[in-house]
C-alpha cells in the first residue's frame, strides 16, 4: 500500500509505487491526509483507474496540439468548425492553464462569459462540446482522472420549429425559381436528399428504368471552397431512394439537358456546368425564389423536412422514413419527426375497436353447421 515518513520540516511524505513499479511520493501537512491519499491511490490502482498526477501538468494548449496531430477521423467541415471555435473561444480562455487546474467552476464561468458577450445558446453549446470532447479525450489518455466538464450543463437550446411545405406550396416554390433549378426543388422535396448529397449525384447513380437514385457520395465544401467528394455521413447514409413517376420524367429531362456528360458526370450543376457554391446559390437564386413565392424564412434544408411530411401524409412507416433519409437509427427519426407520425396508442385503440366490431358482426351472422358422417 505504501509508507509514510515524517520529514525534519514536520511534513508527512507518502511513498508508494505506481502500476509500472516506479517509486512515487507526495508530501502532506497532516499524517491523516497522507493516509487517505495512499488508500485512495491503492483503490484506484486496483480498479485500473489510477492516473499519473504529473500528467495533468501539461498545458491545455499543448494538449490541444497533441490532440490535433493524433486525430485523423474528422471530416473536413467538422475539423474546420472545431478549429475555428478553438482558436477564437476555447484557447484564449484555457490555453495557458494546466489540465489539472481546470475545474467545473472555471467551465461554468466561461459559459457565463460567452453568454454575456452575446453568444446565442446554439453557439455556446457548440463551443462547450468542443471543450468537453478535449477533456474527455484527456481522461481517455490518462492525463486526468475526471473531466472538469462533467456535470456542467450549457444553456438549453430553444427548439427550432421545422418548416414543412405542402405539395401545392412545393409547386409554387418550383414555379418561382429559375427554370434551370426547377427540378432541384422537386427532387429535394420528394426524395429528402441533403444539399451535399444532391450535388454529389452522378449519372451512374440514377437508374431511370427502376426509378431510383443511389446515394454513395457527397460534395465537400468548406468556407466556399470545394474540397472534392467524400463518403456520405454514415453507413446508413449510403442508400437507395425511389422516385415518384413525375420526378422520373423530370430527371429524364435533367439528364438530357442540364447535367454533365459521361457516367461520372454530375447530375445537378449550374448553367456553366459546375457545382454552385452554397453561398452564391443561397444569396442569388434561392433568395429570389423564396421572395417571389412568399416563403422568405424557408431554408433549403426545410425541403428535406418537407419530404418527411409528404411521406407521412401517404402513410409511410417511421422505419421507411429512416431508410429514405439515411438516419443512423430509427431513434433519430422519431426524435426529429415523431410528433408528425400518427399516435401509436391511437392506432392501437382504433385497431382494438375494429377487432371487437368485426367479431361482433361475425357473431350475428348465422353459423353454418356441417354434419359429419358417423364413424364406424
Foldseek 3Di string as FASTA:
>chain_A
DWDWDADPVQWIKTWDAAPVRDIDIDIGNDPVVSVVVVVVQVVCRVVVLDFDQVLQQDFPLVLVVVCVVPDDPDDPQVVVVLVVLCVPQVCVQRRGPGNVPDALVSVVVSLVVCVVVPDDQVVSVVSLVSLVVSQVVCSVVRSDSDRRCPPPDHDDDPDDDFDADDPVLLQLLLVLFDVLCSLVSVCCLAQLEDPQQLQQFFQLQADLVQQKGWRFWGWDAHPQDTPGIDGDDDPLRGAITGDDPVSSVVQVVQVVPPWDDDRRTTSDPDPVRHNDGPVVCVVPRVCRSCVSSVNNVDDSSSSSVNNVLVCVVVVDDLVVNCSSNSPPDSVVSCVVCVVSHPDPVVVVVVVVVVVVVVVVVVVPDDDDDDDDDDDD
